Structures are given as C-alpha cells and as structure tokens.
Amino acid sequence: MKIFHFDSCPIVVSVKTMKRCKSCGRSLRNEDMISQLPEALLLQILSLLPTEKVVATSVLSKRWRTLWKVVPKLKFRFYGLTDLQTFSDNVARILLSHQAPVLQSLHLVVIFDQGTSMDLGVLLGIAFGLHVRELILEVYCEEGLFTFPRSLYSCEKLETLQLVTSCGEILLDVPSPVCLKSLRTLHLHQVGYKDDESVC
C-alpha cells in the first residue's frame, strides 16, 4: 500500500500485490494494480499532474505508452531551468501529439527573465485546433508589458479564459470582430487595454 499526493490530495493505492502458491507459499508474480484501473480513472489522475510528468509515464509499460496522448487536461510550467525555445518546442510537440477529441483544459505558466520573451501565437493556434475548452495563461516577469497574440480572440469553442500576470500589466489588443462565441467565464488580472476600441 502506498500513498500518492496529487495537488496536496492524498490518494491511497495498492501498487503491487504478491500472489503466492497455496502449497509452498512462494511468490508467483507481481501484479500491477494501477494499470488495471479503468482508463477513465487513470486519465483523471494524470490530469492532476504537470504534463511533463504525465509524458514520463509512457515508459512504464505498453499500456502507458500512448495514454498520455489522450489526457484531457494539460499543464505546462516554465521556470527558466531550460532554454525558452526548447520549452516552447516541447509544448508544441506534445500538443501536436494529443489525440483526445477535445482538449478540456490548457494551463500554461511562464516565468520570464528580464529581456526574454515568448511568442504564444503558435501554441495557441495548436490548442485552438484541438478545440480547447478552458485556457489559463499565467505570465510572470520582472517589469513592463506582456502582449497576448491577437489569435487569442478567435477561438469559437473556448468556454473559459483566465489571464493572470505579475508583470506591469497584460496588454490586450482586441481586434474587431472578436470570435469567442462559446465564452462563458472570463477572469482578468492586471489587464490593460491598448485603446478604447479594445474595451468596446
């Protein structure tokens, strides 16, 4: 019996059980109990983990090899430990490999060093192609403005949008017309608008 913590929530799982011969008491084999769980439950558990850890489960066994490709919720975090371009390429590769009919949620956390930047347009374009329903973008930098790409306002399937930053402010350059037909929930933190037309 082992206890795993997902987002501070303890989950008790029997990882392996030993089957023994009734006559001699010897262990016959190890049985992987986690892999025997229903796929829907496995996907729910994996959805609670950072996506880089989810992808790493592909080496566990044949069943896990492609399971990460249908996880409905993805979360990527960049803390400056690797090259920003490498991080962006890895996120794009994982998104392009996604095979679920709908991407329920994409959560992207990026911490910029001073003088660095990242073009989110390509990543958002891929996510919109996967019919993402919830988009959470957290951007943290030392100072100045962070401008989101105009493609952000042209996702017909998006239902929830959260923009969060600790920069000077997020700059929204809202085009006309805006195509967010399915949007139901909008959360903005430290947002600035390019001009009056962006507000209207």
N, C-alpha and C. Protein backbone atom coordinates (compact mmCIF):
# COMPACT_ATOMS: atom_id res chain seq x y z
N MET A 1 0.85 -1.19 0.00
CA MET A 1 0.00 0.00 0.00
C MET A 1 0.88 1.24 0.00
N LYS A 2 0.62 2.18 -0.91
CA LYS A 2 1.37 3.43 -0.97
C LYS A 2 0.42 4.60 -1.03
N ILE A 3 0.89 5.75 -0.54
CA ILE A 3 0.09 6.97 -0.57
C ILE A 3 0.73 7.95 -1.54
N PHE A 4 -0.02 8.38 -2.55
CA PHE A 4 0.43 9.36 -3.51
C PHE A 4 -0.31 10.67 -3.27
N HIS A 5 0.36 11.78 -3.53
CA HIS A 5 -0.25 13.08 -3.33
C HIS A 5 -0.41 13.78 -4.68
N PHE A 6 -1.62 14.10 -5.06
CA PHE A 6 -1.90 14.83 -6.28
C PHE A 6 -2.55 16.14 -5.89
N ASP A 7 -1.83 17.27 -6.15
CA ASP A 7 -2.33 18.59 -5.76
C ASP A 7 -2.72 18.62 -4.29
N SER A 8 -1.81 18.05 -3.45
CA SER A 8 -1.99 18.03 -2.00
C SER A 8 -3.11 17.11 -1.53
N CYS A 9 -3.68 16.33 -2.46
CA CYS A 9 -4.76 15.42 -2.08
C CYS A 9 -4.19 14.00 -2.01
N PRO A 10 -4.16 13.37 -0.83
CA PRO A 10 -3.62 12.01 -0.72
C PRO A 10 -4.52 10.98 -1.36
N ILE A 11 -3.94 10.10 -2.15
CA ILE A 11 -4.68 9.01 -2.77
C ILE A 11 -3.98 7.71 -2.41
N VAL A 12 -4.69 6.80 -1.76
CA VAL A 12 -4.10 5.53 -1.34
C VAL A 12 -4.34 4.50 -2.43
N VAL A 13 -3.25 3.89 -2.90
CA VAL A 13 -3.34 2.93 -3.98
C VAL A 13 -2.48 1.72 -3.64
N SER A 14 -3.01 0.55 -3.86
CA SER A 14 -2.21 -0.66 -3.74
C SER A 14 -1.48 -0.86 -5.06
N VAL A 15 -0.17 -0.60 -5.05
CA VAL A 15 0.60 -0.62 -6.29
C VAL A 15 0.83 -2.03 -6.80
N LYS A 16 1.30 -2.89 -5.92
CA LYS A 16 1.59 -4.25 -6.33
C LYS A 16 1.09 -5.22 -5.27
N THR A 17 0.66 -6.36 -5.70
CA THR A 17 0.28 -7.40 -4.76
C THR A 17 1.00 -8.68 -5.16
N MET A 18 1.46 -9.43 -4.19
CA MET A 18 2.21 -10.66 -4.46
C MET A 18 1.27 -11.85 -4.39
N LYS A 19 1.19 -12.62 -5.48
CA LYS A 19 0.41 -13.84 -5.48
C LYS A 19 1.33 -15.00 -5.08
N ARG A 20 0.86 -15.80 -4.16
CA ARG A 20 1.68 -16.88 -3.64
C ARG A 20 1.02 -18.24 -3.90
N CYS A 21 1.88 -19.19 -4.09
CA CYS A 21 1.41 -20.56 -4.28
C CYS A 21 0.84 -21.06 -2.94
N LYS A 22 -0.37 -21.61 -2.94
CA LYS A 22 -1.00 -22.05 -1.71
C LYS A 22 -0.23 -23.18 -1.04
N SER A 23 0.40 -24.04 -1.82
CA SER A 23 1.08 -25.20 -1.25
C SER A 23 2.44 -24.87 -0.67
N CYS A 24 3.24 -24.00 -1.38
CA CYS A 24 4.60 -23.74 -0.92
C CYS A 24 4.79 -22.32 -0.40
N GLY A 25 3.83 -21.43 -0.64
CA GLY A 25 3.93 -20.08 -0.15
C GLY A 25 4.88 -19.19 -0.94
N ARG A 26 5.43 -19.67 -2.05
CA ARG A 26 6.36 -18.86 -2.83
C ARG A 26 5.61 -17.84 -3.69
N SER A 27 6.27 -16.71 -3.91
CA SER A 27 5.68 -15.68 -4.77
C SER A 27 5.71 -16.14 -6.21
N LEU A 28 4.57 -16.03 -6.88
CA LEU A 28 4.48 -16.43 -8.28
C LEU A 28 4.79 -15.27 -9.21
N ARG A 29 4.25 -14.10 -8.96
CA ARG A 29 4.49 -12.95 -9.83
C ARG A 29 4.00 -11.67 -9.15
N ASN A 30 4.48 -10.55 -9.66
CA ASN A 30 4.00 -9.25 -9.22
C ASN A 30 2.86 -8.81 -10.12
N GLU A 31 1.82 -8.27 -9.54
CA GLU A 31 0.70 -7.80 -10.33
C GLU A 31 0.57 -6.29 -10.19
N ASP A 32 0.59 -5.60 -11.30
CA ASP A 32 0.50 -4.15 -11.33
C ASP A 32 -0.97 -3.74 -11.21
N MET A 33 -1.35 -3.28 -10.02
CA MET A 33 -2.74 -2.96 -9.77
C MET A 33 -3.15 -1.62 -10.40
N ILE A 34 -2.23 -0.66 -10.47
CA ILE A 34 -2.57 0.65 -11.04
C ILE A 34 -2.96 0.51 -12.50
N SER A 35 -2.22 -0.28 -13.25
CA SER A 35 -2.50 -0.43 -14.68
C SER A 35 -3.84 -1.11 -14.93
N GLN A 36 -4.38 -1.76 -13.91
CA GLN A 36 -5.67 -2.43 -14.07
C GLN A 36 -6.85 -1.51 -13.77
N LEU A 37 -6.57 -0.31 -13.33
CA LEU A 37 -7.65 0.63 -13.10
C LEU A 37 -8.31 1.02 -14.42
N PRO A 38 -9.57 1.42 -14.41
CA PRO A 38 -10.24 1.87 -15.64
C PRO A 38 -9.51 3.07 -16.25
N GLU A 39 -9.50 3.13 -17.56
CA GLU A 39 -8.78 4.21 -18.24
C GLU A 39 -9.30 5.58 -17.83
N ALA A 40 -10.61 5.70 -17.64
CA ALA A 40 -11.18 6.99 -17.25
C ALA A 40 -10.61 7.47 -15.93
N LEU A 41 -10.40 6.55 -14.98
CA LEU A 41 -9.83 6.91 -13.68
C LEU A 41 -8.36 7.28 -13.82
N LEU A 42 -7.63 6.53 -14.64
CA LEU A 42 -6.22 6.84 -14.87
C LEU A 42 -6.06 8.24 -15.49
N LEU A 43 -6.92 8.56 -16.43
CA LEU A 43 -6.85 9.87 -17.08
C LEU A 43 -7.17 10.98 -16.10
N GLN A 44 -8.11 10.72 -15.19
CA GLN A 44 -8.46 11.71 -14.18
C GLN A 44 -7.28 11.97 -13.25
N ILE A 45 -6.57 10.91 -12.86
CA ILE A 45 -5.40 11.06 -12.00
C ILE A 45 -4.29 11.79 -12.74
N LEU A 46 -4.03 11.41 -13.98
CA LEU A 46 -2.96 12.05 -14.76
C LEU A 46 -3.25 13.52 -15.02
N SER A 47 -4.53 13.87 -15.10
CA SER A 47 -4.90 15.27 -15.35
C SER A 47 -4.50 16.19 -14.20
N LEU A 48 -4.24 15.61 -13.02
CA LEU A 48 -3.85 16.40 -11.86
C LEU A 48 -2.35 16.69 -11.82
N LEU A 49 -1.60 16.04 -12.69
CA LEU A 49 -0.14 16.17 -12.68
C LEU A 49 0.34 17.14 -13.74
N PRO A 50 1.52 17.77 -13.53
CA PRO A 50 2.15 18.54 -14.60
C PRO A 50 2.38 17.64 -15.81
N THR A 51 2.18 18.18 -17.00
CA THR A 51 2.21 17.35 -18.21
C THR A 51 3.55 16.68 -18.44
N GLU A 52 4.66 17.34 -18.06
CA GLU A 52 5.96 16.71 -18.26
C GLU A 52 6.09 15.41 -17.47
N LYS A 53 5.43 15.35 -16.30
CA LYS A 53 5.44 14.12 -15.51
C LYS A 53 4.50 13.08 -16.12
N VAL A 54 3.42 13.54 -16.71
CA VAL A 54 2.48 12.63 -17.37
C VAL A 54 3.15 11.94 -18.55
N VAL A 55 3.88 12.70 -19.36
CA VAL A 55 4.57 12.12 -20.52
C VAL A 55 5.59 11.08 -20.07
N ALA A 56 6.22 11.31 -18.92
CA ALA A 56 7.24 10.38 -18.42
C ALA A 56 6.67 9.01 -18.09
N THR A 57 5.34 8.91 -17.86
CA THR A 57 4.74 7.62 -17.55
C THR A 57 4.70 6.69 -18.76
N SER A 58 5.01 7.21 -19.94
CA SER A 58 4.95 6.39 -21.15
C SER A 58 5.96 5.25 -21.13
N VAL A 59 6.96 5.30 -20.26
CA VAL A 59 7.99 4.25 -20.20
C VAL A 59 7.59 3.12 -19.25
N LEU A 60 6.46 3.26 -18.55
CA LEU A 60 6.11 2.27 -17.54
C LEU A 60 5.77 0.91 -18.13
N SER A 61 4.95 0.90 -19.16
CA SER A 61 4.53 -0.35 -19.77
C SER A 61 3.88 -0.06 -21.11
N LYS A 62 3.50 -1.11 -21.81
CA LYS A 62 2.88 -0.96 -23.13
C LYS A 62 1.58 -0.18 -23.03
N ARG A 63 0.79 -0.42 -22.01
CA ARG A 63 -0.49 0.28 -21.87
C ARG A 63 -0.29 1.78 -21.68
N TRP A 64 0.75 2.16 -20.96
CA TRP A 64 1.00 3.56 -20.64
C TRP A 64 1.68 4.31 -21.79
N ARG A 65 2.12 3.59 -22.80
CA ARG A 65 2.94 4.19 -23.86
C ARG A 65 2.23 5.34 -24.57
N THR A 66 0.94 5.21 -24.78
CA THR A 66 0.20 6.25 -25.50
C THR A 66 -0.92 6.89 -24.66
N LEU A 67 -1.02 6.49 -23.40
CA LEU A 67 -2.11 7.00 -22.56
C LEU A 67 -2.01 8.51 -22.38
N TRP A 68 -0.79 9.04 -22.30
CA TRP A 68 -0.61 10.48 -22.09
C TRP A 68 -1.16 11.30 -23.24
N LYS A 69 -1.31 10.70 -24.41
CA LYS A 69 -1.78 11.43 -25.59
C LYS A 69 -3.27 11.75 -25.54
N VAL A 70 -4.00 11.13 -24.61
CA VAL A 70 -5.44 11.39 -24.52
C VAL A 70 -5.84 11.99 -23.17
N VAL A 71 -4.86 12.45 -22.40
CA VAL A 71 -5.17 13.13 -21.14
C VAL A 71 -5.91 14.43 -21.47
N PRO A 72 -7.08 14.67 -20.89
CA PRO A 72 -7.92 15.80 -21.30
C PRO A 72 -7.47 17.16 -20.79
N LYS A 73 -6.59 17.18 -19.76
CA LYS A 73 -6.14 18.45 -19.20
C LYS A 73 -4.61 18.48 -19.19
N LEU A 74 -4.04 19.54 -19.76
CA LEU A 74 -2.59 19.67 -19.85
C LEU A 74 -2.13 20.92 -19.10
N LYS A 75 -1.01 20.77 -18.39
CA LYS A 75 -0.43 21.91 -17.68
C LYS A 75 1.07 21.94 -17.89
N PHE A 76 1.56 23.07 -18.41
CA PHE A 76 2.98 23.24 -18.67
C PHE A 76 3.50 24.41 -17.82
N ARG A 77 4.70 24.24 -17.26
CA ARG A 77 5.29 25.28 -16.43
C ARG A 77 6.73 25.53 -16.85
N PHE A 78 7.06 26.80 -17.09
CA PHE A 78 8.43 27.18 -17.42
C PHE A 78 8.97 28.07 -16.32
N TYR A 79 10.03 27.58 -15.66
CA TYR A 79 10.63 28.33 -14.55
C TYR A 79 12.03 28.83 -14.88
N GLY A 80 12.41 28.78 -16.15
CA GLY A 80 13.72 29.26 -16.53
C GLY A 80 14.83 28.25 -16.33
N LEU A 81 14.49 26.99 -16.05
CA LEU A 81 15.52 25.97 -15.83
C LEU A 81 16.07 25.43 -17.15
N THR A 82 15.35 25.63 -18.24
CA THR A 82 15.80 25.21 -19.56
C THR A 82 15.71 26.40 -20.50
N ASP A 83 16.14 26.19 -21.73
CA ASP A 83 16.04 27.23 -22.74
C ASP A 83 14.58 27.45 -23.10
N LEU A 84 14.18 28.72 -23.24
CA LEU A 84 12.78 29.05 -23.50
C LEU A 84 12.31 28.47 -24.83
N GLN A 85 13.16 28.49 -25.84
CA GLN A 85 12.79 27.93 -27.15
C GLN A 85 12.60 26.43 -27.06
N THR A 86 13.45 25.76 -26.28
CA THR A 86 13.30 24.31 -26.09
C THR A 86 11.97 24.00 -25.41
N PHE A 87 11.64 24.78 -24.40
CA PHE A 87 10.36 24.60 -23.71
C PHE A 87 9.20 24.78 -24.68
N SER A 88 9.24 25.84 -25.49
CA SER A 88 8.18 26.10 -26.45
C SER A 88 8.05 24.97 -27.46
N ASP A 89 9.19 24.46 -27.94
CA ASP A 89 9.18 23.35 -28.90
C ASP A 89 8.59 22.09 -28.28
N ASN A 90 8.93 21.82 -27.02
CA ASN A 90 8.40 20.63 -26.34
C ASN A 90 6.89 20.72 -26.15
N VAL A 91 6.41 21.91 -25.77
CA VAL A 91 4.97 22.09 -25.61
C VAL A 91 4.26 21.89 -26.94
N ALA A 92 4.81 22.45 -28.01
CA ALA A 92 4.21 22.29 -29.33
C ALA A 92 4.18 20.82 -29.75
N ARG A 93 5.26 20.11 -29.49
CA ARG A 93 5.33 18.69 -29.87
C ARG A 93 4.28 17.88 -29.13
N ILE A 94 4.10 18.15 -27.84
CA ILE A 94 3.11 17.41 -27.05
C ILE A 94 1.69 17.75 -27.51
N LEU A 95 1.43 19.02 -27.78
CA LEU A 95 0.11 19.41 -28.26
C LEU A 95 -0.20 18.76 -29.61
N LEU A 96 0.78 18.72 -30.48
CA LEU A 96 0.58 18.11 -31.80
C LEU A 96 0.36 16.61 -31.70
N SER A 97 0.84 15.99 -30.62
CA SER A 97 0.66 14.54 -30.42
C SER A 97 -0.65 14.20 -29.72
N HIS A 98 -1.36 15.23 -29.26
CA HIS A 98 -2.59 15.00 -28.50
C HIS A 98 -3.66 14.39 -29.39
N GLN A 99 -4.33 13.34 -28.88
CA GLN A 99 -5.27 12.59 -29.70
C GLN A 99 -6.69 12.56 -29.15
N ALA A 100 -6.94 13.21 -28.02
CA ALA A 100 -8.30 13.25 -27.50
C ALA A 100 -9.19 14.09 -28.41
N PRO A 101 -10.46 13.75 -28.53
CA PRO A 101 -11.35 14.53 -29.41
C PRO A 101 -11.41 16.00 -29.04
N VAL A 102 -11.33 16.28 -27.73
CA VAL A 102 -11.41 17.65 -27.23
C VAL A 102 -10.37 17.83 -26.14
N LEU A 103 -9.66 18.94 -26.17
CA LEU A 103 -8.75 19.30 -25.08
C LEU A 103 -9.55 20.12 -24.07
N GLN A 104 -9.85 19.53 -22.93
CA GLN A 104 -10.69 20.20 -21.94
C GLN A 104 -10.03 21.42 -21.33
N SER A 105 -8.72 21.34 -21.08
CA SER A 105 -8.06 22.46 -20.41
C SER A 105 -6.58 22.53 -20.78
N LEU A 106 -6.11 23.74 -21.03
CA LEU A 106 -4.69 24.00 -21.22
C LEU A 106 -4.28 25.09 -20.23
N HIS A 107 -3.34 24.76 -19.36
CA HIS A 107 -2.86 25.69 -18.33
C HIS A 107 -1.37 25.91 -18.59
N LEU A 108 -1.01 27.14 -18.91
CA LEU A 108 0.36 27.47 -19.26
C LEU A 108 0.90 28.52 -18.29
N VAL A 109 1.97 28.16 -17.59
CA VAL A 109 2.62 29.06 -16.64
C VAL A 109 4.02 29.37 -17.14
N VAL A 110 4.33 30.64 -17.34
CA VAL A 110 5.64 31.04 -17.87
C VAL A 110 6.22 32.15 -17.01
N ILE A 111 7.45 31.94 -16.55
CA ILE A 111 8.18 32.95 -15.79
C ILE A 111 9.33 33.45 -16.65
N PHE A 112 9.29 34.72 -17.01
CA PHE A 112 10.30 35.29 -17.88
C PHE A 112 11.40 35.96 -17.07
N ASP A 113 12.64 35.77 -17.54
CA ASP A 113 13.73 36.58 -17.04
C ASP A 113 13.70 37.92 -17.76
N GLN A 114 14.39 38.89 -17.22
CA GLN A 114 14.42 40.20 -17.84
C GLN A 114 15.07 40.11 -19.22
N GLY A 115 14.41 40.67 -20.21
CA GLY A 115 14.95 40.69 -21.57
C GLY A 115 14.56 39.50 -22.41
N THR A 116 13.80 38.52 -21.86
CA THR A 116 13.36 37.37 -22.63
C THR A 116 11.89 37.53 -23.00
N SER A 117 11.48 36.81 -24.03
CA SER A 117 10.09 36.88 -24.48
C SER A 117 9.72 35.55 -25.13
N MET A 118 8.43 35.40 -25.40
CA MET A 118 7.96 34.14 -25.99
C MET A 118 6.74 34.43 -26.85
N ASP A 119 6.73 33.85 -28.03
CA ASP A 119 5.60 34.01 -28.94
C ASP A 119 4.60 32.89 -28.67
N LEU A 120 3.47 33.25 -28.07
CA LEU A 120 2.45 32.25 -27.74
C LEU A 120 1.53 31.94 -28.90
N GLY A 121 1.64 32.68 -29.99
CA GLY A 121 0.70 32.52 -31.10
C GLY A 121 0.65 31.12 -31.66
N VAL A 122 1.81 30.49 -31.85
CA VAL A 122 1.85 29.13 -32.42
C VAL A 122 1.20 28.13 -31.48
N LEU A 123 1.54 28.22 -30.19
CA LEU A 123 0.99 27.28 -29.21
C LEU A 123 -0.52 27.43 -29.09
N LEU A 124 -1.00 28.67 -29.08
CA LEU A 124 -2.44 28.89 -29.01
C LEU A 124 -3.14 28.38 -30.26
N GLY A 125 -2.51 28.56 -31.40
CA GLY A 125 -3.09 28.07 -32.64
C GLY A 125 -3.29 26.56 -32.63
N ILE A 126 -2.29 25.84 -32.09
CA ILE A 126 -2.41 24.38 -31.98
C ILE A 126 -3.52 24.01 -31.00
N ALA A 127 -3.56 24.71 -29.87
CA ALA A 127 -4.58 24.43 -28.85
C ALA A 127 -5.99 24.68 -29.40
N PHE A 128 -6.15 25.75 -30.16
CA PHE A 128 -7.46 26.05 -30.74
C PHE A 128 -7.86 24.98 -31.75
N GLY A 129 -6.87 24.42 -32.44
CA GLY A 129 -7.15 23.32 -33.36
C GLY A 129 -7.61 22.07 -32.65
N LEU A 130 -7.29 21.95 -31.36
CA LEU A 130 -7.73 20.82 -30.53
C LEU A 130 -9.05 21.12 -29.82
N HIS A 131 -9.68 22.25 -30.17
CA HIS A 131 -10.97 22.65 -29.60
C HIS A 131 -10.90 22.81 -28.08
N VAL A 132 -9.86 23.48 -27.60
CA VAL A 132 -9.67 23.66 -26.17
C VAL A 132 -10.87 24.39 -25.57
N ARG A 133 -11.33 23.91 -24.41
CA ARG A 133 -12.50 24.48 -23.75
C ARG A 133 -12.11 25.51 -22.68
N GLU A 134 -11.02 25.25 -21.97
CA GLU A 134 -10.57 26.15 -20.91
C GLU A 134 -9.11 26.51 -21.16
N LEU A 135 -8.81 27.80 -21.11
CA LEU A 135 -7.45 28.28 -21.33
C LEU A 135 -7.04 29.16 -20.15
N ILE A 136 -5.97 28.76 -19.46
CA ILE A 136 -5.43 29.52 -18.34
C ILE A 136 -4.00 29.91 -18.68
N LEU A 137 -3.73 31.19 -18.77
CA LEU A 137 -2.40 31.70 -19.08
C LEU A 137 -1.89 32.53 -17.91
N GLU A 138 -0.80 32.08 -17.31
CA GLU A 138 -0.16 32.81 -16.22
C GLU A 138 1.22 33.26 -16.68
N VAL A 139 1.46 34.55 -16.68
CA VAL A 139 2.72 35.11 -17.14
C VAL A 139 3.32 35.95 -16.02
N TYR A 140 4.56 35.65 -15.68
CA TYR A 140 5.25 36.37 -14.62
C TYR A 140 6.58 36.90 -15.14
N CYS A 141 6.80 38.17 -15.02
CA CYS A 141 8.05 38.78 -15.43
C CYS A 141 8.37 39.94 -14.50
N GLU A 142 9.58 40.46 -14.60
CA GLU A 142 10.03 41.47 -13.64
C GLU A 142 9.33 42.81 -13.82
N GLU A 143 9.18 43.23 -15.05
CA GLU A 143 8.58 44.55 -15.26
C GLU A 143 8.12 44.67 -16.70
N GLY A 144 7.38 45.74 -16.98
CA GLY A 144 6.98 46.03 -18.34
C GLY A 144 5.65 45.40 -18.71
N LEU A 145 5.36 45.40 -20.00
CA LEU A 145 4.10 44.90 -20.52
C LEU A 145 4.29 43.53 -21.15
N PHE A 146 3.22 42.73 -21.11
CA PHE A 146 3.19 41.48 -21.86
C PHE A 146 1.97 41.51 -22.75
N THR A 147 2.17 41.37 -24.05
CA THR A 147 1.07 41.45 -25.01
C THR A 147 0.71 40.07 -25.51
N PHE A 148 -0.56 39.71 -25.39
CA PHE A 148 -1.02 38.43 -25.90
C PHE A 148 -1.31 38.53 -27.39
N PRO A 149 -1.10 37.44 -28.13
CA PRO A 149 -1.33 37.46 -29.57
C PRO A 149 -2.80 37.66 -29.91
N ARG A 150 -3.05 38.24 -31.07
CA ARG A 150 -4.42 38.53 -31.50
C ARG A 150 -5.21 37.25 -31.76
N SER A 151 -4.52 36.14 -32.01
CA SER A 151 -5.21 34.87 -32.24
C SER A 151 -5.99 34.41 -31.02
N LEU A 152 -5.69 35.00 -29.85
CA LEU A 152 -6.38 34.65 -28.61
C LEU A 152 -7.88 34.91 -28.71
N TYR A 153 -8.29 35.80 -29.58
CA TYR A 153 -9.69 36.24 -29.64
C TYR A 153 -10.47 35.58 -30.77
N SER A 154 -9.98 34.44 -31.25
CA SER A 154 -10.65 33.81 -32.39
C SER A 154 -10.83 32.31 -32.19
N CYS A 155 -11.23 31.92 -30.98
CA CYS A 155 -11.48 30.51 -30.70
C CYS A 155 -12.96 30.31 -30.39
N GLU A 156 -13.68 29.74 -31.33
CA GLU A 156 -15.12 29.60 -31.20
C GLU A 156 -15.53 28.62 -30.10
N LYS A 157 -14.67 27.65 -29.76
CA LYS A 157 -15.03 26.61 -28.79
C LYS A 157 -14.63 26.95 -27.36
N LEU A 158 -13.86 28.02 -27.16
CA LEU A 158 -13.36 28.36 -25.84
C LEU A 158 -14.50 28.81 -24.92
N GLU A 159 -14.60 28.16 -23.74
CA GLU A 159 -15.66 28.46 -22.79
C GLU A 159 -15.16 29.25 -21.57
N THR A 160 -13.90 29.04 -21.20
CA THR A 160 -13.33 29.72 -20.03
C THR A 160 -11.96 30.27 -20.38
N LEU A 161 -11.74 31.53 -20.04
CA LEU A 161 -10.45 32.18 -20.31
C LEU A 161 -9.99 32.89 -19.05
N GLN A 162 -8.76 32.57 -18.61
CA GLN A 162 -8.17 33.23 -17.46
C GLN A 162 -6.80 33.78 -17.86
N LEU A 163 -6.59 35.07 -17.66
CA LEU A 163 -5.32 35.72 -17.94
C LEU A 163 -4.80 36.29 -16.63
N VAL A 164 -3.62 35.82 -16.21
CA VAL A 164 -3.05 36.23 -14.93
C VAL A 164 -1.60 36.63 -15.15
N THR A 165 -1.16 37.71 -14.48
CA THR A 165 0.23 38.13 -14.62
C THR A 165 0.68 38.87 -13.37
N SER A 166 2.00 38.90 -13.17
CA SER A 166 2.60 39.75 -12.14
C SER A 166 3.53 40.77 -12.80
N CYS A 167 3.40 40.91 -14.13
CA CYS A 167 4.17 41.92 -14.84
C CYS A 167 3.59 43.30 -14.52
N GLY A 168 4.08 44.32 -15.19
CA GLY A 168 3.48 45.64 -15.05
C GLY A 168 2.00 45.55 -15.35
N GLU A 169 1.66 44.90 -16.44
CA GLU A 169 0.27 44.61 -16.78
C GLU A 169 0.24 43.79 -18.06
N ILE A 170 -0.90 43.15 -18.28
CA ILE A 170 -1.15 42.47 -19.55
C ILE A 170 -1.76 43.49 -20.49
N LEU A 171 -1.26 43.52 -21.71
CA LEU A 171 -1.82 44.43 -22.70
C LEU A 171 -2.70 43.64 -23.66
N LEU A 172 -3.97 44.02 -23.72
CA LEU A 172 -4.91 43.39 -24.62
C LEU A 172 -5.15 44.28 -25.82
N ASP A 173 -4.78 43.77 -26.97
CA ASP A 173 -5.03 44.45 -28.23
C ASP A 173 -6.14 43.68 -28.92
N VAL A 174 -7.38 44.03 -28.60
CA VAL A 174 -8.52 43.24 -29.05
C VAL A 174 -8.92 43.65 -30.46
N PRO A 175 -8.91 42.70 -31.39
CA PRO A 175 -9.29 43.02 -32.77
C PRO A 175 -10.80 43.12 -32.92
N SER A 176 -11.23 43.55 -34.07
CA SER A 176 -12.65 43.59 -34.39
C SER A 176 -12.84 42.93 -35.75
N PRO A 177 -13.74 41.92 -35.83
CA PRO A 177 -14.60 41.43 -34.74
C PRO A 177 -13.89 40.38 -33.89
N VAL A 178 -14.44 40.12 -32.70
CA VAL A 178 -13.96 39.07 -31.82
C VAL A 178 -14.83 37.84 -32.01
N CYS A 179 -14.20 36.66 -32.09
CA CYS A 179 -14.96 35.43 -32.31
C CYS A 179 -14.76 34.49 -31.12
N LEU A 180 -15.49 34.76 -30.04
CA LEU A 180 -15.48 33.92 -28.84
C LEU A 180 -16.92 33.55 -28.52
N LYS A 181 -17.54 32.85 -29.43
CA LYS A 181 -18.97 32.56 -29.35
C LYS A 181 -19.36 31.74 -28.13
N SER A 182 -18.45 30.86 -27.66
CA SER A 182 -18.81 29.95 -26.58
C SER A 182 -18.34 30.42 -25.21
N LEU A 183 -17.68 31.58 -25.15
CA LEU A 183 -17.09 32.04 -23.89
C LEU A 183 -18.16 32.31 -22.84
N ARG A 184 -17.99 31.68 -21.67
CA ARG A 184 -18.94 31.84 -20.56
C ARG A 184 -18.28 32.48 -19.34
N THR A 185 -16.98 32.22 -19.14
CA THR A 185 -16.28 32.71 -17.96
C THR A 185 -15.00 33.42 -18.38
N LEU A 186 -14.82 34.64 -17.87
CA LEU A 186 -13.64 35.43 -18.20
C LEU A 186 -13.05 35.98 -16.90
N HIS A 187 -11.76 35.67 -16.66
CA HIS A 187 -11.07 36.16 -15.47
C HIS A 187 -9.82 36.91 -15.92
N LEU A 188 -9.71 38.19 -15.56
CA LEU A 188 -8.57 39.02 -15.96
C LEU A 188 -7.91 39.60 -14.70
N HIS A 189 -6.58 39.53 -14.67
CA HIS A 189 -5.83 40.08 -13.53
C HIS A 189 -4.71 40.98 -14.05
N GLN A 190 -4.72 42.25 -13.63
CA GLN A 190 -3.75 43.26 -14.05
C GLN A 190 -3.73 43.43 -15.58
N VAL A 191 -4.88 43.75 -16.11
CA VAL A 191 -5.04 43.86 -17.56
C VAL A 191 -5.12 45.32 -17.97
N GLY A 192 -4.41 45.67 -19.04
CA GLY A 192 -4.52 46.99 -19.64
C GLY A 192 -4.98 46.85 -21.08
N TYR A 193 -5.59 47.88 -21.62
CA TYR A 193 -6.11 47.84 -22.98
C TYR A 193 -5.34 48.82 -23.86
N LYS A 194 -5.09 48.40 -25.09
CA LYS A 194 -4.31 49.23 -26.00
C LYS A 194 -5.00 50.55 -26.29
N ASP A 195 -6.33 50.49 -26.48
CA ASP A 195 -7.08 51.70 -26.79
C ASP A 195 -8.54 51.49 -26.41
N ASP A 196 -9.36 52.52 -26.62
CA ASP A 196 -10.77 52.44 -26.28
C ASP A 196 -11.50 51.37 -27.08
N GLU A 197 -11.07 51.15 -28.33
CA GLU A 197 -11.73 50.16 -29.17
C GLU A 197 -11.55 48.76 -28.61
N SER A 198 -10.44 48.50 -27.92
CA SER A 198 -10.21 47.19 -27.31
C SER A 198 -11.18 46.92 -26.19
N VAL A 199 -11.66 47.98 -25.53
CA VAL A 199 -12.64 47.83 -24.44
C VAL A 199 -14.03 47.58 -24.99
N CYS A 200 -14.36 48.25 -26.06
CA CYS A 200 -15.68 48.12 -26.65
C CYS A 200 -15.81 46.82 -27.42
